[in-house]
Amino acid sequence: MSPADSPPSSRRVVWLLALLGLVAYALRTNIAIAQEYMAPELGLSMVQMGVISAWGFQLAYTIGQVPGGAMGDRHGARLVLAVASLGWAVASLASGAVMGSGMVAFAGLFAARVLLG
């Protein structure tokens, strides 16, 4: 059976998963572009932004892989992906809503990126 012969529901699932992957990628990487403008505005150095990215996001992302997979197995991929997508959107919005300067901004942005991870 060729992909063109597959049922419409299968194609729709593939397109939705591809769209979800694109959105997830954009939400994970958006700070790499925005940090050039965010860091000076929040009084953060690029070293602090690196700590936020490496220890805040990457570590949380890595640690969350196994529990996320277990939740998908237990509750179903559809529900877990829906909840995760909503969580990604809220955490990404929280990254942009960080206010203050210095350590207050660092803590807020770190927490937002941990939630995104």
PDB file of N, CA and C in Angstrom:
ATOM      1  N   MET A   1       0.852  -1.170   0.000  1.00  0.00           N
ATOM      2  CA  MET A   1       0.000   0.000   0.000  1.00  0.00           C
ATOM      3  C   MET A   1       0.903   1.238   0.000  1.00  0.00           C
ATOM      4  N   SER A   2       0.704   2.107  -0.939  1.00  0.00           N
ATOM      5  CA  SER A   2       1.503   3.331  -1.002  1.00  0.00           C
ATOM      6  C   SER A   2       0.904   4.384  -0.082  1.00  0.00           C
ATOM      7  N   PRO A   3       1.687   5.396   0.286  1.00  0.00           N
ATOM      8  CA  PRO A   3       1.157   6.449   1.167  1.00  0.00           C
ATOM      9  C   PRO A   3      -0.075   7.138   0.590  1.00  0.00           C
ATOM     10  N   ALA A   4      -0.164   7.219  -0.735  1.00  0.00           N
ATOM     11  CA  ALA A   4      -1.323   7.862  -1.351  1.00  0.00           C
ATOM     12  C   ALA A   4      -2.587   7.023  -1.166  1.00  0.00           C
ATOM     13  N   ASP A   5      -2.414   5.700  -0.967  1.00  0.00           N
ATOM     14  CA  ASP A   5      -3.561   4.811  -0.792  1.00  0.00           C
ATOM     15  C   ASP A   5      -3.984   4.670   0.666  1.00  0.00           C
ATOM     16  N   SER A   6      -3.240   5.275   1.590  1.00  0.00           N
ATOM     17  CA  SER A   6      -3.570   5.111   3.000  1.00  0.00           C
ATOM     18  C   SER A   6      -4.857   5.867   3.328  1.00  0.00           C
ATOM     19  N   PRO A   7      -5.566   5.404   4.337  1.00  0.00           N
ATOM     20  CA  PRO A   7      -6.824   6.058   4.701  1.00  0.00           C
ATOM     21  C   PRO A   7      -6.583   7.506   5.132  1.00  0.00           C
ATOM     22  N   PRO A   8      -7.580   8.374   4.941  1.00  0.00           N
ATOM     23  CA  PRO A   8      -7.420   9.787   5.301  1.00  0.00           C
ATOM     24  C   PRO A   8      -7.051   9.992   6.763  1.00  0.00           C
ATOM     25  N   SER A   9      -7.555   9.150   7.650  1.00  0.00           N
ATOM     26  CA  SER A   9      -7.255   9.333   9.061  1.00  0.00           C
ATOM     27  C   SER A   9      -5.767   9.107   9.345  1.00  0.00           C
ATOM     28  N   SER A  10      -5.138   8.171   8.642  1.00  0.00           N
ATOM     29  CA  SER A  10      -3.704   7.927   8.830  1.00  0.00           C
ATOM     30  C   SER A  10      -2.891   9.127   8.366  1.00  0.00           C
ATOM     31  N   ARG A  11      -3.254   9.680   7.226  1.00  0.00           N
ATOM     32  CA  ARG A  11      -2.542  10.861   6.738  1.00  0.00           C
ATOM     33  C   ARG A  11      -2.726  12.038   7.675  1.00  0.00           C
ATOM     34  N   ARG A  12      -3.906  12.185   8.217  1.00  0.00           N
ATOM     35  CA  ARG A  12      -4.176  13.281   9.144  1.00  0.00           C
ATOM     36  C   ARG A  12      -3.320  13.144  10.398  1.00  0.00           C
ATOM     37  N   VAL A  13      -3.181  11.943  10.912  1.00  0.00           N
ATOM     38  CA  VAL A  13      -2.357  11.709  12.094  1.00  0.00           C
ATOM     39  C   VAL A  13      -0.904  12.060  11.806  1.00  0.00           C
ATOM     40  N   VAL A  14      -0.411  11.648  10.638  1.00  0.00           N
ATOM     41  CA  VAL A  14       0.970  11.953  10.280  1.00  0.00           C
ATOM     42  C   VAL A  14       1.172  13.464  10.178  1.00  0.00           C
ATOM     43  N   TRP A  15       0.247  14.150   9.535  1.00  0.00           N
ATOM     44  CA  TRP A  15       0.357  15.615   9.418  1.00  0.00           C
ATOM     45  C   TRP A  15       0.292  16.296  10.787  1.00  0.00           C
ATOM     46  N   LEU A  16      -0.603  15.828  11.638  1.00  0.00           N
ATOM     47  CA  LEU A  16      -0.711  16.422  12.977  1.00  0.00           C
ATOM     48  C   LEU A  16       0.555  16.180  13.791  1.00  0.00           C
ATOM     49  N   LEU A  17       1.114  14.976  13.696  1.00  0.00           N
ATOM     50  CA  LEU A  17       2.359  14.696  14.410  1.00  0.00           C
ATOM     51  C   LEU A  17       3.515  15.526  13.861  1.00  0.00           C
ATOM     52  N   ALA A  18       3.564  15.718  12.558  1.00  0.00           N
ATOM     53  CA  ALA A  18       4.597  16.562  11.967  1.00  0.00           C
ATOM     54  C   ALA A  18       4.445  18.008  12.430  1.00  0.00           C
ATOM     55  N   LEU A  19       3.212  18.497  12.462  1.00  0.00           N
ATOM     56  CA  LEU A  19       2.959  19.857  12.940  1.00  0.00           C
ATOM     57  C   LEU A  19       3.334  19.992  14.413  1.00  0.00           C
ATOM     58  N   LEU A  20       2.984  19.001  15.201  1.00  0.00           N
ATOM     59  CA  LEU A  20       3.342  19.012  16.617  1.00  0.00           C
ATOM     60  C   LEU A  20       4.854  19.018  16.792  1.00  0.00           C
ATOM     61  N   GLY A  21       5.561  18.230  15.992  1.00  0.00           N
ATOM     62  CA  GLY A  21       7.027  18.221  16.056  1.00  0.00           C
ATOM     63  C   GLY A  21       7.618  19.569  15.698  1.00  0.00           C
ATOM     64  N   LEU A  22       7.053  20.231  14.695  1.00  0.00           N
ATOM     65  CA  LEU A  22       7.525  21.555  14.296  1.00  0.00           C
ATOM     66  C   LEU A  22       7.300  22.577  15.401  1.00  0.00           C
ATOM     67  N   VAL A  23       6.122  22.575  15.987  1.00  0.00           N
ATOM     68  CA  VAL A  23       5.816  23.510  17.075  1.00  0.00           C
ATOM     69  C   VAL A  23       6.707  23.230  18.284  1.00  0.00           C
ATOM     70  N   ALA A  24       6.888  21.976  18.629  1.00  0.00           N
ATOM     71  CA  ALA A  24       7.742  21.628  19.768  1.00  0.00           C
ATOM     72  C   ALA A  24       9.171  22.089  19.533  1.00  0.00           C
ATOM     73  N   TYR A  25       9.657  21.904  18.318  1.00  0.00           N
ATOM     74  CA  TYR A  25      11.013  22.356  17.986  1.00  0.00           C
ATOM     75  C   TYR A  25      11.125  23.873  18.118  1.00  0.00           C
ATOM     76  N   ALA A  26      10.143  24.592  17.605  1.00  0.00           N
ATOM     77  CA  ALA A  26      10.157  26.050  17.684  1.00  0.00           C
ATOM     78  C   ALA A  26      10.120  26.523  19.141  1.00  0.00           C
ATOM     79  N   LEU A  27       9.317  25.883  19.966  1.00  0.00           N
ATOM     80  CA  LEU A  27       9.220  26.288  21.367  1.00  0.00           C
ATOM     81  C   LEU A  27      10.501  25.974  22.137  1.00  0.00           C
ATOM     82  N   ARG A  28      11.165  24.898  21.766  1.00  0.00           N
ATOM     83  CA  ARG A  28      12.410  24.541  22.457  1.00  0.00           C
ATOM     84  C   ARG A  28      13.552  25.474  22.077  1.00  0.00           C
ATOM     85  N   THR A  29      13.561  25.924  20.842  1.00  0.00           N
ATOM     86  CA  THR A  29      14.709  26.685  20.357  1.00  0.00           C
ATOM     87  C   THR A  29      14.484  28.188  20.298  1.00  0.00           C
ATOM     88  N   ASN A  30      13.313  28.662  20.650  1.00  0.00           N
ATOM     89  CA  ASN A  30      13.024  30.086  20.507  1.00  0.00           C
ATOM     90  C   ASN A  30      13.946  30.970  21.342  1.00  0.00           C
ATOM     91  N   ILE A  31      14.407  30.498  22.458  1.00  0.00           N
ATOM     92  CA  ILE A  31      15.248  31.331  23.307  1.00  0.00           C
ATOM     93  C   ILE A  31      16.631  31.558  22.696  1.00  0.00           C
ATOM     94  N   ALA A  32      17.071  30.670  21.841  1.00  0.00           N
ATOM     95  CA  ALA A  32      18.376  30.851  21.200  1.00  0.00           C
ATOM     96  C   ALA A  32      18.395  32.126  20.356  1.00  0.00           C
ATOM     97  N   ILE A  33      17.282  32.450  19.750  1.00  0.00           N
ATOM     98  CA  ILE A  33      17.172  33.672  18.962  1.00  0.00           C
ATOM     99  C   ILE A  33      16.899  34.870  19.885  1.00  0.00           C
ATOM    100  N   ALA A  34      16.000  34.697  20.822  1.00  0.00           N
ATOM    101  CA  ALA A  34      15.564  35.805  21.666  1.00  0.00           C
ATOM    102  C   ALA A  34      16.591  36.213  22.721  1.00  0.00           C
ATOM    103  N   GLN A  35      17.520  35.328  23.078  1.00  0.00           N
ATOM    104  CA  GLN A  35      18.434  35.650  24.176  1.00  0.00           C
ATOM    105  C   GLN A  35      19.316  36.856  23.879  1.00  0.00           C
ATOM    106  N   GLU A  36      19.594  37.114  22.630  1.00  0.00           N
ATOM    107  CA  GLU A  36      20.402  38.277  22.254  1.00  0.00           C
ATOM    108  C   GLU A  36      19.728  39.571  22.708  1.00  0.00           C
ATOM    109  N   TYR A  37      18.408  39.580  22.689  1.00  0.00           N
ATOM    110  CA  TYR A  37      17.646  40.761  23.087  1.00  0.00           C
ATOM    111  C   TYR A  37      17.200  40.681  24.549  1.00  0.00           C
ATOM    112  N   MET A  38      16.945  39.457  25.023  1.00  0.00           N
ATOM    113  CA  MET A  38      16.453  39.271  26.393  1.00  0.00           C
ATOM    114  C   MET A  38      17.528  39.539  27.445  1.00  0.00           C
ATOM    115  N   ALA A  39      18.719  39.034  27.209  1.00  0.00           N
ATOM    116  CA  ALA A  39      19.779  39.107  28.221  1.00  0.00           C
ATOM    117  C   ALA A  39      20.072  40.537  28.653  1.00  0.00           C
ATOM    118  N   PRO A  40      20.330  41.467  27.738  1.00  0.00           N
ATOM    119  CA  PRO A  40      20.589  42.842  28.187  1.00  0.00           C
ATOM    120  C   PRO A  40      19.375  43.469  28.877  1.00  0.00           C
ATOM    121  N   GLU A  41      18.198  43.165  28.374  1.00  0.00           N
ATOM    122  CA  GLU A  41      16.972  43.742  28.944  1.00  0.00           C
ATOM    123  C   GLU A  41      16.743  43.256  30.375  1.00  0.00           C
ATOM    124  N   LEU A  42      17.115  42.013  30.647  1.00  0.00           N
ATOM    125  CA  LEU A  42      16.918  41.437  31.980  1.00  0.00           C
ATOM    126  C   LEU A  42      18.157  41.560  32.869  1.00  0.00           C
ATOM    127  N   GLY A  43      19.214  42.140  32.340  1.00  0.00           N
ATOM    128  CA  GLY A  43      20.442  42.285  33.121  1.00  0.00           C
ATOM    129  C   GLY A  43      21.180  40.973  33.315  1.00  0.00           C
ATOM    130  N   LEU A  44      21.094  40.086  32.338  1.00  0.00           N
ATOM    131  CA  LEU A  44      21.740  38.786  32.427  1.00  0.00           C
ATOM    132  C   LEU A  44      22.918  38.724  31.472  1.00  0.00           C
ATOM    133  N   SER A  45      23.931  37.967  31.845  1.00  0.00           N
ATOM    134  CA  SER A  45      25.078  37.762  30.957  1.00  0.00           C
ATOM    135  C   SER A  45      24.802  36.548  30.074  1.00  0.00           C
ATOM    136  N   MET A  46      25.606  36.403  29.044  1.00  0.00           N
ATOM    137  CA  MET A  46      25.457  35.233  28.180  1.00  0.00           C
ATOM    138  C   MET A  46      25.846  33.950  28.915  1.00  0.00           C
ATOM    139  N   VAL A  47      26.711  34.056  29.909  1.00  0.00           N
ATOM    140  CA  VAL A  47      27.048  32.891  30.731  1.00  0.00           C
ATOM    141  C   VAL A  47      25.810  32.443  31.513  1.00  0.00           C
ATOM    142  N   GLN A  48      25.082  33.397  32.073  1.00  0.00           N
ATOM    143  CA  GLN A  48      23.852  33.056  32.787  1.00  0.00           C
ATOM    144  C   GLN A  48      22.816  32.460  31.834  1.00  0.00           C
ATOM    145  N   MET A  49      22.741  32.986  30.627  1.00  0.00           N
ATOM    146  CA  MET A  49      21.812  32.430  29.646  1.00  0.00           C
ATOM    147  C   MET A  49      22.216  30.996  29.284  1.00  0.00           C
ATOM    148  N   GLY A  50      23.519  30.734  29.240  1.00  0.00           N
ATOM    149  CA  GLY A  50      23.998  29.376  28.983  1.00  0.00           C
ATOM    150  C   GLY A  50      23.619  28.428  30.106  1.00  0.00           C
ATOM    151  N   VAL A  51      23.709  28.905  31.338  1.00  0.00           N
ATOM    152  CA  VAL A  51      23.309  28.082  32.488  1.00  0.00           C
ATOM    153  C   VAL A  51      21.815  27.787  32.418  1.00  0.00           C
ATOM    154  N   ILE A  52      21.033  28.791  32.054  1.00  0.00           N
ATOM    155  CA  ILE A  52      19.585  28.595  31.926  1.00  0.00           C
ATOM    156  C   ILE A  52      19.292  27.552  30.857  1.00  0.00           C
ATOM    157  N   SER A  53      19.988  27.630  29.740  1.00  0.00           N
ATOM    158  CA  SER A  53      19.748  26.673  28.649  1.00  0.00           C
ATOM    159  C   SER A  53      20.247  25.277  28.998  1.00  0.00           C
ATOM    160  N   ALA A  54      21.458  25.197  29.526  1.00  0.00           N
ATOM    161  CA  ALA A  54      22.058  23.883  29.786  1.00  0.00           C
ATOM    162  C   ALA A  54      21.453  23.209  31.001  1.00  0.00           C
ATOM    163  N   TRP A  55      21.425  23.894  32.119  1.00  0.00           N
ATOM    164  CA  TRP A  55      20.970  23.270  33.363  1.00  0.00           C
ATOM    165  C   TRP A  55      19.468  23.403  33.553  1.00  0.00           C
ATOM    166  N   GLY A  56      18.896  24.473  33.074  1.00  0.00           N
ATOM    167  CA  GLY A  56      17.448  24.641  33.223  1.00  0.00           C
ATOM    168  C   GLY A  56      16.678  23.799  32.238  1.00  0.00           C
ATOM    169  N   PHE A  57      16.915  24.016  30.949  1.00  0.00           N
ATOM    170  CA  PHE A  57      16.130  23.314  29.940  1.00  0.00           C
ATOM    171  C   PHE A  57      16.658  21.920  29.624  1.00  0.00           C
ATOM    172  N   GLN A  58      17.923  21.815  29.238  1.00  0.00           N
ATOM    173  CA  GLN A  58      18.449  20.539  28.746  1.00  0.00           C
ATOM    174  C   GLN A  58      18.393  19.431  29.797  1.00  0.00           C
ATOM    175  N   LEU A  59      18.744  19.762  31.027  1.00  0.00           N
ATOM    176  CA  LEU A  59      18.713  18.743  32.076  1.00  0.00           C
ATOM    177  C   LEU A  59      17.282  18.299  32.373  1.00  0.00           C
ATOM    178  N   ALA A  60      16.367  19.270  32.472  1.00  0.00           N
ATOM    179  CA  ALA A  60      14.961  18.917  32.722  1.00  0.00           C
ATOM    180  C   ALA A  60      14.392  18.109  31.562  1.00  0.00           C
ATOM    181  N   TYR A  61      14.767  18.473  30.343  1.00  0.00           N
ATOM    182  CA  TYR A  61      14.311  17.750  29.152  1.00  0.00           C
ATOM    183  C   TYR A  61      14.803  16.305  29.184  1.00  0.00           C
ATOM    184  N   THR A  62      16.062  16.118  29.544  1.00  0.00           N
ATOM    185  CA  THR A  62      16.641  14.785  29.596  1.00  0.00           C
ATOM    186  C   THR A  62      15.993  13.939  30.685  1.00  0.00           C
ATOM    187  N   ILE A  63      15.844  14.509  31.860  1.00  0.00           N
ATOM    188  CA  ILE A  63      15.259  13.770  32.984  1.00  0.00           C
ATOM    189  C   ILE A  63      13.796  13.432  32.720  1.00  0.00           C
ATOM    190  N   GLY A  64      13.087  14.295  31.985  1.00  0.00           N
ATOM    191  CA  GLY A  64      11.662  14.081  31.740  1.00  0.00           C
ATOM    192  C   GLY A  64      11.341  13.050  30.672  1.00  0.00           C
ATOM    193  N   GLN A  65      12.325  12.551  29.948  1.00  0.00           N
ATOM    194  CA  GLN A  65      12.062  11.610  28.863  1.00  0.00           C
ATOM    195  C   GLN A  65      11.427  10.305  29.356  1.00  0.00           C
ATOM    196  N   VAL A  66      11.991   9.725  30.388  1.00  0.00           N
ATOM    197  CA  VAL A  66      11.481   8.430  30.871  1.00  0.00           C
ATOM    198  C   VAL A  66      10.093   8.568  31.502  1.00  0.00           C
ATOM    199  N   PRO A  67       9.888   9.526  32.420  1.00  0.00           N
ATOM    200  CA  PRO A  67       8.529   9.664  32.965  1.00  0.00           C
ATOM    201  C   PRO A  67       7.505  10.046  31.889  1.00  0.00           C
ATOM    202  N   GLY A  68       7.916  10.859  30.910  1.00  0.00           N
ATOM    203  CA  GLY A  68       7.001  11.224  29.832  1.00  0.00           C
ATOM    204  C   GLY A  68       6.588  10.023  29.002  1.00  0.00           C
ATOM    205  N   GLY A  69       7.541   9.156  28.704  1.00  0.00           N
ATOM    206  CA  GLY A  69       7.227   7.932  27.970  1.00  0.00           C
ATOM    207  C   GLY A  69       6.324   7.011  28.763  1.00  0.00           C
ATOM    208  N   ALA A  70       6.588   6.916  30.065  1.00  0.00           N
ATOM    209  CA  ALA A  70       5.744   6.071  30.920  1.00  0.00           C
ATOM    210  C   ALA A  70       4.318   6.612  30.985  1.00  0.00           C
ATOM    211  N   MET A  71       4.186   7.939  31.065  1.00  0.00           N
ATOM    212  CA  MET A  71       2.839   8.533  31.069  1.00  0.00           C
ATOM    213  C   MET A  71       2.133   8.259  29.745  1.00  0.00           C
ATOM    214  N   GLY A  72       2.878   8.335  28.629  1.00  0.00           N
ATOM    215  CA  GLY A  72       2.287   8.036  27.333  1.00  0.00           C
ATOM    216  C   GLY A  72       1.809   6.597  27.245  1.00  0.00           C
ATOM    217  N   ASP A  73       2.580   5.674  27.805  1.00  0.00           N
ATOM    218  CA  ASP A  73       2.175   4.266  27.815  1.00  0.00           C
ATOM    219  C   ASP A  73       0.954   4.043  28.693  1.00  0.00           C
ATOM    220  N   ARG A  74       0.909   4.720  29.800  1.00  0.00           N
ATOM    221  CA  ARG A  74      -0.164   4.502  30.767  1.00  0.00           C
ATOM    222  C   ARG A  74      -1.474   5.190  30.379  1.00  0.00           C
ATOM    223  N   HIS A  75      -1.375   6.455  29.933  1.00  0.00           N
ATOM    224  CA  HIS A  75      -2.582   7.252  29.691  1.00  0.00           C
ATOM    225  C   HIS A  75      -2.908   7.446  28.215  1.00  0.00           C
ATOM    226  N   GLY A  76      -2.035   6.987  27.348  1.00  0.00           N
ATOM    227  CA  GLY A  76      -2.277   7.127  25.912  1.00  0.00           C
ATOM    228  C   GLY A  76      -1.567   8.337  25.334  1.00  0.00           C
ATOM    229  N   ALA A  77      -1.058   8.148  24.147  1.00  0.00           N
ATOM    230  CA  ALA A  77      -0.275   9.202  23.499  1.00  0.00           C
ATOM    231  C   ALA A  77      -1.113  10.439  23.211  1.00  0.00           C
ATOM    232  N   ARG A  78      -2.351  10.262  22.840  1.00  0.00           N
ATOM    233  CA  ARG A  78      -3.198  11.404  22.482  1.00  0.00           C
ATOM    234  C   ARG A  78      -3.367  12.362  23.661  1.00  0.00           C
ATOM    235  N   LEU A  79      -3.695  11.840  24.823  1.00  0.00           N
ATOM    236  CA  LEU A  79      -3.891  12.687  26.001  1.00  0.00           C
ATOM    237  C   LEU A  79      -2.576  13.327  26.444  1.00  0.00           C
ATOM    238  N   VAL A  80      -1.521  12.544  26.486  1.00  0.00           N
ATOM    239  CA  VAL A  80      -0.229  13.060  26.953  1.00  0.00           C
ATOM    240  C   VAL A  80       0.301  14.128  26.000  1.00  0.00           C
ATOM    241  N   LEU A  81       0.183  13.923  24.700  1.00  0.00           N
ATOM    242  CA  LEU A  81       0.625  14.938  23.741  1.00  0.00           C
ATOM    243  C   LEU A  81      -0.207  16.207  23.845  1.00  0.00           C
ATOM    244  N   ALA A  82      -1.499  16.076  24.084  1.00  0.00           N
ATOM    245  CA  ALA A  82      -2.354  17.257  24.239  1.00  0.00           C
ATOM    246  C   ALA A  82      -1.958  18.058  25.474  1.00  0.00           C
ATOM    247  N   VAL A  83      -1.774  17.372  26.584  1.00  0.00           N
ATOM    248  CA  VAL A  83      -1.384  18.046  27.824  1.00  0.00           C
ATOM    249  C   VAL A  83       0.019  18.646  27.692  1.00  0.00           C
ATOM    250  N   ALA A  84       0.931  17.901  27.076  1.00  0.00           N
ATOM    251  CA  ALA A  84       2.297  18.394  26.884  1.00  0.00           C
ATOM    252  C   ALA A  84       2.306  19.632  25.994  1.00  0.00           C
ATOM    253  N   SER A  85       1.492  19.634  24.947  1.00  0.00           N
ATOM    254  CA  SER A  85       1.440  20.790  24.051  1.00  0.00           C
ATOM    255  C   SER A  85       0.937  22.029  24.778  1.00  0.00           C
ATOM    256  N   LEU A  86      -0.067  21.857  25.591  1.00  0.00           N
ATOM    257  CA  LEU A  86      -0.566  22.983  26.390  1.00  0.00           C
ATOM    258  C   LEU A  86       0.501  23.447  27.373  1.00  0.00           C
ATOM    259  N   GLY A  87       1.187  22.504  27.998  1.00  0.00           N
ATOM    260  CA  GLY A  87       2.270  22.855  28.921  1.00  0.00           C
ATOM    261  C   GLY A  87       3.405  23.583  28.236  1.00  0.00           C
ATOM    262  N   TRP A  88       3.771  23.138  27.019  1.00  0.00           N
ATOM    263  CA  TRP A  88       4.824  23.819  26.266  1.00  0.00           C
ATOM    264  C   TRP A  88       4.439  25.258  25.973  1.00  0.00           C
ATOM    265  N   ALA A  89       3.179  25.460  25.583  1.00  0.00           N
ATOM    266  CA  ALA A  89       2.721  26.807  25.249  1.00  0.00           C
ATOM    267  C   ALA A  89       2.768  27.719  26.475  1.00  0.00           C
ATOM    268  N   VAL A  90       2.297  27.222  27.604  1.00  0.00           N
ATOM    269  CA  VAL A  90       2.295  28.025  28.838  1.00  0.00           C
ATOM    270  C   VAL A  90       3.722  28.326  29.285  1.00  0.00           C
ATOM    271  N   ALA A  91       4.596  27.329  29.251  1.00  0.00           N
ATOM    272  CA  ALA A  91       5.982  27.540  29.682  1.00  0.00           C
ATOM    273  C   ALA A  91       6.722  28.484  28.740  1.00  0.00           C
ATOM    274  N   SER A  92       6.444  28.389  27.457  1.00  0.00           N
ATOM    275  CA  SER A  92       7.072  29.309  26.507  1.00  0.00           C
ATOM    276  C   SER A  92       6.575  30.730  26.732  1.00  0.00           C
ATOM    277  N   LEU A  93       5.296  30.879  26.996  1.00  0.00           N
ATOM    278  CA  LEU A  93       4.735  32.190  27.321  1.00  0.00           C
ATOM    279  C   LEU A  93       5.352  32.732  28.606  1.00  0.00           C
ATOM    280  N   ALA A  94       5.555  31.869  29.583  1.00  0.00           N
ATOM    281  CA  ALA A  94       6.172  32.286  30.846  1.00  0.00           C
ATOM    282  C   ALA A  94       7.607  32.763  30.634  1.00  0.00           C
ATOM    283  N   SER A  95       8.309  32.149  29.678  1.00  0.00           N
ATOM    284  CA  SER A  95       9.674  32.595  29.370  1.00  0.00           C
ATOM    285  C   SER A  95       9.673  34.031  28.881  1.00  0.00           C
ATOM    286  N   GLY A  96       8.690  34.392  28.097  1.00  0.00           N
ATOM    287  CA  GLY A  96       8.601  35.746  27.582  1.00  0.00           C
ATOM    288  C   GLY A  96       8.029  36.739  28.562  1.00  0.00           C
ATOM    289  N   ALA A  97       7.382  36.258  29.598  1.00  0.00           N
ATOM    290  CA  ALA A  97       6.750  37.141  30.573  1.00  0.00           C
ATOM    291  C   ALA A  97       7.636  37.427  31.783  1.00  0.00           C
ATOM    292  N   VAL A  98       8.861  36.932  31.786  1.00  0.00           N
ATOM    293  CA  VAL A  98       9.766  37.147  32.924  1.00  0.00           C
ATOM    294  C   VAL A  98      10.070  38.633  33.056  1.00  0.00           C
ATOM    295  N   MET A  99       9.981  39.116  34.287  1.00  0.00           N
ATOM    296  CA  MET A  99      10.248  40.522  34.560  1.00  0.00           C
ATOM    297  C   MET A  99      11.322  40.627  35.630  1.00  0.00           C
ATOM    298  N   GLY A 100      11.769  41.830  35.857  1.00  0.00           N
ATOM    299  CA  GLY A 100      12.782  42.069  36.867  1.00  0.00           C
ATOM    300  C   GLY A 100      14.145  42.141  36.223  1.00  0.00           C
ATOM    301  N   SER A 101      15.149  42.083  37.070  1.00  0.00           N
ATOM    302  CA  SER A 101      16.516  42.091  36.565  1.00  0.00           C
ATOM    303  C   SER A 101      17.404  41.316  37.524  1.00  0.00           C
ATOM    304  N   GLY A 102      18.564  40.959  37.035  1.00  0.00           N
ATOM    305  CA  GLY A 102      19.529  40.244  37.868  1.00  0.00           C
ATOM    306  C   GLY A 102      19.045  38.867  38.263  1.00  0.00           C
ATOM    307  N   MET A 103      19.185  38.571  39.531  1.00  0.00           N
ATOM    308  CA  MET A 103      18.871  37.229  40.030  1.00  0.00           C
ATOM    309  C   MET A 103      17.376  36.921  39.993  1.00  0.00           C
ATOM    310  N   VAL A 104      16.537  37.933  40.112  1.00  0.00           N
ATOM    311  CA  VAL A 104      15.089  37.708  40.022  1.00  0.00           C
ATOM    312  C   VAL A 104      14.731  37.219  38.622  1.00  0.00           C
ATOM    313  N   ALA A 105      15.270  37.896  37.609  1.00  0.00           N
ATOM    314  CA  ALA A 105      15.024  37.487  36.229  1.00  0.00           C
ATOM    315  C   ALA A 105      15.657  36.132  35.952  1.00  0.00           C
ATOM    316  N   PHE A 106      16.850  35.906  36.476  1.00  0.00           N
ATOM    317  CA  PHE A 106      17.521  34.621  36.282  1.00  0.00           C
ATOM    318  C   PHE A 106      16.667  33.492  36.849  1.00  0.00           C
ATOM    319  N   ALA A 107      16.185  33.655  38.075  1.00  0.00           N
ATOM    320  CA  ALA A 107      15.376  32.611  38.722  1.00  0.00           C
ATOM    321  C   ALA A 107      14.075  32.379  37.960  1.00  0.00           C
ATOM    322  N   GLY A 108      13.420  33.449  37.525  1.00  0.00           N
ATOM    323  CA  GLY A 108      12.165  33.305  36.795  1.00  0.00           C
ATOM    324  C   GLY A 108      12.358  32.623  35.451  1.00  0.00           C
ATOM    325  N   LEU A 109      13.387  33.030  34.723  1.00  0.00           N
ATOM    326  CA  LEU A 109      13.647  32.422  33.430  1.00  0.00           C
ATOM    327  C   LEU A 109      14.116  30.981  33.578  1.00  0.00           C
ATOM    328  N   PHE A 110      14.919  30.713  34.593  1.00  0.00           N
ATOM    329  CA  PHE A 110      15.367  29.351  34.859  1.00  0.00           C
ATOM    330  C   PHE A 110      14.163  28.452  35.139  1.00  0.00           C
ATOM    331  N   ALA A 111      13.240  28.913  35.980  1.00  0.00           N
ATOM    332  CA  ALA A 111      12.060  28.129  36.319  1.00  0.00           C
ATOM    333  C   ALA A 111      11.182  27.887  35.083  1.00  0.00           C
ATOM    334  N   ALA A 112      11.019  28.919  34.253  1.00  0.00           N
ATOM    335  CA  ALA A 112      10.211  28.768  33.041  1.00  0.00           C
ATOM    336  C   ALA A 112      10.828  27.759  32.086  1.00  0.00           C
ATOM    337  N   ARG A 113      12.131  27.781  31.960  1.00  0.00           N
ATOM    338  CA  ARG A 113      12.801  26.851  31.055  1.00  0.00           C
ATOM    339  C   ARG A 113      12.808  25.426  31.616  1.00  0.00           C
ATOM    340  N   VAL A 114      12.878  25.274  32.939  1.00  0.00           N
ATOM    341  CA  VAL A 114      12.755  23.938  33.535  1.00  0.00           C
ATOM    342  C   VAL A 114      11.356  23.370  33.207  1.00  0.00           C
ATOM    343  N   LEU A 115      10.330  24.195  33.340  1.00  0.00           N
ATOM    344  CA  LEU A 115       8.979  23.733  33.023  1.00  0.00           C
ATOM    345  C   LEU A 115       8.847  23.383  31.543  1.00  0.00           C
ATOM    346  N   LEU A 116       9.500  24.148  30.693  1.00  0.00           N
ATOM    347  CA  LEU A 116       9.459  23.839  29.265  1.00  0.00           C
ATOM    348  C   LEU A 116      10.178  22.525  28.977  1.00  0.00           C
ATOM    349  N   GLY A 117      11.271  22.275  29.690  1.00  0.00           N
ATOM    350  CA  GLY A 117      12.022  21.019  29.506  1.00  0.00           C
ATOM    351  C   GLY A 117      11.209  19.835  29.952  1.00  0.00           C
TER     352      GLY A 117
END
